[in-house]
Amino acid sequence: MQKPSATHLLIIPTYNTGKLVINVVSEALKVWQPIWVVIDGSDDGSAELLEELALSEPQLTLLKHPYNRGKGAAIYTAIQAALSQGYTHILTMDADGQHPSHAINTFMAKSQQYPESVILGRPLFADDAPALRVNGRKVSNFWANLETLWLGINDSLFGFRVYPLKPLKKVMDSTQFARRFDFDPEVAVRLVWQGINPINIDVPVRYLSPEQGGISQFRYLRDNSLLTWMHIRLFLGFIPYLPALIKRRFF
């Protein structure tokens, strides 16, 4: 285990993920420190479990929202606190066990090599991944690529990423949106608009069954409606960036 990083911080937002979040955080601590967990209004007892874990893990910090505000809002809270403590980059990781902790070092090393880029995970799905989720994301990916002229967002929804903090905060400060499930695709598009180059890395993803403790906060109608509204906004908003995007794409 390498010494705690002074620049690259691992952020795990969580909302009612039960005992699963303890496994996720414990495994991540074995390969990277420090880790901040943002408890986004959890009321299922997982907050108390995390508090107990933090007592024995000095490199684990807990941030809390009194009520559920959404994934993007949770990460935004961490962004502001991380910048105030001198961190330059964050890796975001889901608390539901989908993202593999063994990939953390690879992503952090790539970010350290290319600190001005955003490092995006490109998910490799197993055969048992829900077809509705796998195929449905293709629609969002198409629109995200159209809105950036195919400048490198291989997967717009996958949340295992390393962000440079200052450009990410600029994006979050520029919009009142990207506070819930729309966070991952919206900030990816807006970072490309800012001139940030994406680097994609393949990473396996798994969907845990309920028997395995898997918990999903995805709600098909609610979240797809949110994504539809987001892409309408982004498509209309990308027009002013079109000349610069064309220059980057073709010249």
Protein backbone atom coordinates (compact mmCIF):
# COMPACT_ATOMS: atom_id res chain seq x y z
CA MET A 1 0.00 0.00 0.00
CA GLN A 2 1.45 3.33 -1.09
CA LYS A 3 1.32 6.37 1.17
CA PRO A 4 -1.82 8.54 1.05
CA SER A 5 -2.00 10.83 -1.94
CA ALA A 6 -1.88 14.59 -1.45
CA THR A 7 -3.38 15.29 -4.89
CA HIS A 8 -5.72 12.45 -5.93
CA LEU A 9 -8.73 11.70 -3.77
CA LEU A 10 -11.24 8.85 -4.08
CA ILE A 11 -14.89 9.90 -3.67
CA ILE A 12 -17.73 7.44 -3.05
CA PRO A 13 -21.24 8.93 -2.87
CA THR A 14 -23.76 6.64 -1.20
CA TYR A 15 -27.49 6.54 -0.59
CA ASN A 16 -29.12 3.58 1.16
CA THR A 17 -26.70 0.93 -0.12
CA GLY A 18 -26.82 -1.06 3.11
CA LYS A 19 -23.93 -3.26 4.20
CA LEU A 20 -22.66 -3.35 0.61
CA VAL A 21 -21.06 0.08 0.96
CA ILE A 22 -18.87 -1.24 3.80
CA ASN A 23 -17.47 -3.93 1.50
CA VAL A 24 -16.89 -1.41 -1.28
CA VAL A 25 -15.10 1.09 0.97
CA SER A 26 -13.05 -1.56 2.75
CA GLU A 27 -11.79 -3.02 -0.53
CA ALA A 28 -11.01 0.43 -1.92
CA LEU A 29 -9.01 1.37 1.20
CA LYS A 30 -6.70 -1.56 0.53
CA VAL A 31 -5.54 0.01 -2.74
CA TRP A 32 -6.00 3.78 -2.35
CA GLN A 33 -6.02 6.41 0.37
CA PRO A 34 -7.46 8.84 1.25
CA ILE A 35 -11.14 8.09 0.62
CA TRP A 36 -14.09 10.35 1.28
CA VAL A 37 -17.60 8.91 1.44
CA VAL A 38 -20.49 11.33 0.97
CA ILE A 39 -23.53 9.99 2.81
CA ASP A 40 -26.39 11.51 0.82
CA GLY A 41 -29.21 11.35 3.34
CA SER A 42 -29.06 7.59 3.93
CA ASP A 43 -31.60 6.34 6.47
CA ASP A 44 -31.11 2.57 6.15
CA GLY A 45 -28.49 2.19 8.88
CA SER A 46 -25.53 2.32 6.47
CA ALA A 47 -24.43 5.73 7.82
CA GLU A 48 -23.95 4.22 11.27
CA LEU A 49 -21.97 1.33 9.79
CA LEU A 50 -19.70 3.80 7.98
CA GLU A 51 -19.20 5.81 11.16
CA GLU A 52 -18.06 2.65 12.92
CA LEU A 53 -15.66 1.82 10.09
CA ALA A 54 -14.23 5.36 10.10
CA LEU A 55 -13.22 4.97 13.76
CA SER A 56 -10.60 2.41 12.73
CA GLU A 57 -9.66 3.94 9.35
CA PRO A 58 -7.85 7.30 9.69
CA GLN A 59 -7.77 7.76 5.90
CA LEU A 60 -11.56 7.50 5.63
CA THR A 61 -13.52 10.76 5.92
CA LEU A 62 -17.31 10.99 5.97
CA LEU A 63 -19.28 13.93 4.61
CA LYS A 64 -23.03 14.01 5.22
CA HIS A 65 -26.18 15.49 3.71
CA PRO A 66 -29.17 15.63 6.07
CA TYR A 67 -31.47 14.48 3.24
CA ASN A 68 -31.06 12.92 -0.19
CA ARG A 69 -29.94 15.53 -2.72
CA GLY A 70 -28.68 13.33 -5.55
CA LYS A 71 -25.39 11.89 -6.78
CA GLY A 72 -24.23 15.07 -8.49
CA ALA A 73 -24.99 17.17 -5.43
CA ALA A 74 -23.05 14.73 -3.24
CA ILE A 75 -20.02 14.91 -5.51
CA TYR A 76 -20.30 18.71 -5.68
CA THR A 77 -20.08 18.85 -1.88
CA ALA A 78 -16.89 16.76 -2.07
CA ILE A 79 -15.47 18.91 -4.90
CA GLN A 80 -15.69 22.08 -2.85
CA ALA A 81 -14.20 20.50 0.26
CA ALA A 82 -11.43 18.76 -1.71
CA LEU A 83 -10.33 21.98 -3.39
CA SER A 84 -10.21 23.75 -0.05
CA GLN A 85 -7.79 21.06 1.17
CA GLY A 86 -5.48 21.28 -1.82
CA TYR A 87 -6.51 18.20 -3.81
CA THR A 88 -6.28 18.50 -7.59
CA HIS A 89 -8.17 15.42 -8.82
CA ILE A 90 -10.92 13.06 -7.70
CA LEU A 91 -11.84 9.57 -8.78
CA THR A 92 -15.57 8.92 -8.41
CA MET A 93 -16.68 5.38 -7.60
CA ASP A 94 -20.17 3.97 -7.05
CA ALA A 95 -21.09 2.43 -3.71
CA ASP A 96 -23.14 -0.42 -5.18
CA GLY A 97 -20.28 -2.78 -6.03
CA GLN A 98 -20.36 -2.22 -9.80
CA HIS A 99 -16.89 -0.71 -10.01
CA PRO A 100 -13.78 -2.83 -9.36
CA SER A 101 -11.34 -1.56 -6.76
CA HIS A 102 -8.43 -3.23 -8.58
CA ALA A 103 -8.77 -0.63 -11.35
CA ILE A 104 -8.28 2.36 -9.04
CA ASN A 105 -4.49 2.49 -9.31
CA THR A 106 -4.60 2.23 -13.11
CA PHE A 107 -6.96 5.20 -13.37
CA MET A 108 -5.05 7.29 -10.86
CA ALA A 109 -1.74 6.58 -12.59
CA LYS A 110 -3.18 7.61 -15.97
CA SER A 111 -4.48 10.84 -14.42
CA GLN A 112 -1.07 11.57 -12.92
CA GLN A 113 0.45 11.03 -16.36
CA TYR A 114 -2.13 13.26 -18.07
CA PRO A 115 -3.33 15.64 -15.34
CA GLU A 116 -5.20 17.97 -17.69
CA SER A 117 -7.41 15.17 -19.07
CA VAL A 118 -10.51 13.49 -17.71
CA ILE A 119 -10.06 9.73 -17.40
CA LEU A 120 -13.27 7.93 -18.37
CA GLY A 121 -14.13 4.33 -17.68
CA ARG A 122 -15.35 2.33 -20.67
CA PRO A 123 -17.47 -0.48 -19.17
CA LEU A 124 -17.02 -4.09 -20.19
CA PHE A 125 -20.28 -5.85 -19.39
CA ALA A 126 -20.58 -9.49 -18.42
CA ASP A 127 -23.14 -11.69 -20.14
CA ASP A 128 -25.49 -11.45 -17.15
CA ALA A 129 -25.71 -7.63 -17.27
CA PRO A 130 -29.35 -6.43 -17.63
CA ALA A 131 -30.02 -5.99 -21.35
CA LEU A 132 -32.34 -3.05 -20.71
CA ARG A 133 -29.56 -1.13 -18.97
CA VAL A 134 -26.83 -2.10 -21.45
CA ASN A 135 -28.86 -1.26 -24.56
CA GLY A 136 -30.58 1.77 -23.09
CA ARG A 137 -27.28 3.58 -22.46
CA LYS A 138 -26.54 3.49 -26.19
CA VAL A 139 -29.11 6.26 -26.72
CA SER A 140 -27.45 8.56 -24.20
CA ASN A 141 -24.03 7.75 -25.63
CA PHE A 142 -25.17 8.70 -29.14
CA TRP A 143 -26.45 12.10 -28.01
CA ALA A 144 -23.42 12.82 -25.83
CA ASN A 145 -21.16 12.13 -28.80
CA LEU A 146 -23.27 14.25 -31.13
CA GLU A 147 -23.10 17.12 -28.61
CA THR A 148 -19.29 16.85 -28.60
CA LEU A 149 -18.75 15.83 -32.27
CA TRP A 150 -17.38 12.42 -31.25
CA LEU A 151 -14.36 13.86 -29.44
CA GLY A 152 -13.91 10.88 -27.16
CA ILE A 153 -16.76 10.14 -24.75
CA ASN A 154 -16.96 6.38 -25.19
CA ASP A 155 -19.52 5.94 -22.41
CA SER A 156 -21.46 8.88 -21.05
CA LEU A 157 -23.08 7.16 -18.07
CA PHE A 158 -20.31 5.15 -16.47
CA GLY A 159 -19.35 6.87 -13.23
CA PHE A 160 -15.88 5.40 -12.62
CA ARG A 161 -13.78 8.43 -13.63
CA VAL A 162 -10.93 10.70 -12.62
CA TYR A 163 -11.70 14.40 -12.93
CA PRO A 164 -9.39 17.42 -12.72
CA LEU A 165 -11.06 19.36 -9.94
CA LYS A 166 -10.87 22.97 -11.09
CA PRO A 167 -12.48 22.36 -14.51
CA LEU A 168 -15.09 20.13 -12.87
CA LYS A 169 -16.02 22.81 -10.34
CA LYS A 170 -16.24 25.35 -13.16
CA VAL A 171 -18.71 23.06 -14.93
CA MET A 172 -20.79 22.55 -11.79
CA ASP A 173 -20.81 26.27 -11.05
CA SER A 174 -22.03 26.98 -14.59
CA THR A 175 -25.28 25.01 -14.32
CA GLN A 176 -28.04 24.35 -11.82
CA PHE A 177 -28.42 20.87 -13.29
CA ALA A 178 -26.13 17.79 -13.11
CA ARG A 179 -27.11 17.27 -9.48
CA ARG A 180 -28.71 13.85 -9.74
CA PHE A 181 -28.50 10.92 -12.16
CA ASP A 182 -27.72 13.41 -14.94
CA PHE A 183 -24.34 14.24 -13.35
CA ASP A 184 -22.11 11.79 -15.24
CA PRO A 185 -23.25 12.52 -18.82
CA GLU A 186 -23.72 16.26 -18.37
CA VAL A 187 -20.31 16.98 -16.87
CA ALA A 188 -18.60 14.78 -19.47
CA VAL A 189 -20.14 16.82 -22.28
CA ARG A 190 -19.45 20.16 -20.61
CA LEU A 191 -15.83 19.26 -19.87
CA VAL A 192 -15.28 18.52 -23.57
CA TRP A 193 -16.85 21.90 -24.35
CA GLN A 194 -14.23 23.44 -22.04
CA GLY A 195 -11.45 21.86 -24.08
CA ILE A 196 -10.71 19.00 -21.68
CA ASN A 197 -9.62 15.88 -23.57
CA PRO A 198 -11.07 12.51 -22.51
CA ILE A 199 -8.93 9.39 -22.15
CA ASN A 200 -10.86 6.12 -22.07
CA ILE A 201 -9.83 2.98 -20.19
CA ASP A 202 -11.65 -0.34 -20.37
CA VAL A 203 -12.88 -1.61 -17.02
CA PRO A 204 -15.13 -4.57 -16.13
CA VAL A 205 -18.45 -3.79 -14.53
CA ARG A 206 -20.78 -6.10 -12.67
CA TYR A 207 -24.41 -5.91 -11.64
CA LEU A 208 -25.04 -7.63 -8.33
CA SER A 209 -28.28 -9.56 -7.93
CA PRO A 210 -30.55 -8.90 -4.94
CA GLU A 211 -29.31 -12.21 -3.53
CA GLN A 212 -25.76 -10.82 -3.67
CA GLY A 213 -26.84 -7.67 -1.86
CA GLY A 214 -27.18 -5.59 -5.02
CA ILE A 215 -29.14 -2.36 -4.65
CA SER A 216 -29.98 -0.02 -7.53
CA GLN A 217 -31.30 3.53 -7.20
CA PHE A 218 -32.04 3.65 -10.93
CA ARG A 219 -35.70 4.34 -11.71
CA TYR A 220 -36.49 3.73 -15.36
CA LEU A 221 -39.16 6.38 -16.01
CA ARG A 222 -37.82 9.03 -13.66
CA ASP A 223 -34.18 8.81 -14.73
CA ASN A 224 -34.80 8.41 -18.45
CA SER A 225 -37.05 11.48 -18.33
CA LEU A 226 -34.22 13.33 -16.61
CA LEU A 227 -31.74 12.23 -19.29
CA THR A 228 -34.11 13.20 -22.11
CA TRP A 229 -34.51 16.73 -20.72
CA MET A 230 -30.75 16.92 -20.18
CA HIS A 231 -29.94 16.05 -23.80
CA ILE A 232 -32.50 18.56 -25.09
CA ARG A 233 -30.73 21.25 -23.07
CA LEU A 234 -27.26 20.13 -24.10
CA PHE A 235 -28.13 19.87 -27.78
CA LEU A 236 -29.45 23.43 -27.77
CA GLY A 237 -26.52 24.60 -25.65
CA PHE A 238 -23.73 23.17 -27.75
CA ILE A 239 -24.37 25.45 -30.74
CA PRO A 240 -22.03 28.23 -29.47
CA TYR A 241 -19.26 25.63 -29.01
CA LEU A 242 -19.68 24.18 -32.50
CA PRO A 243 -16.89 26.15 -34.24
CA ALA A 244 -14.32 25.17 -31.60
CA LEU A 245 -15.51 21.56 -31.63
CA ILE A 246 -15.23 21.40 -35.42
CA LYS A 247 -11.70 22.81 -35.24
CA ARG A 248 -10.66 20.22 -32.66
CA ARG A 249 -12.36 17.39 -34.51
CA PHE A 250 -11.21 18.04 -38.07
CA PHE A 251 -8.20 20.35 -38.00
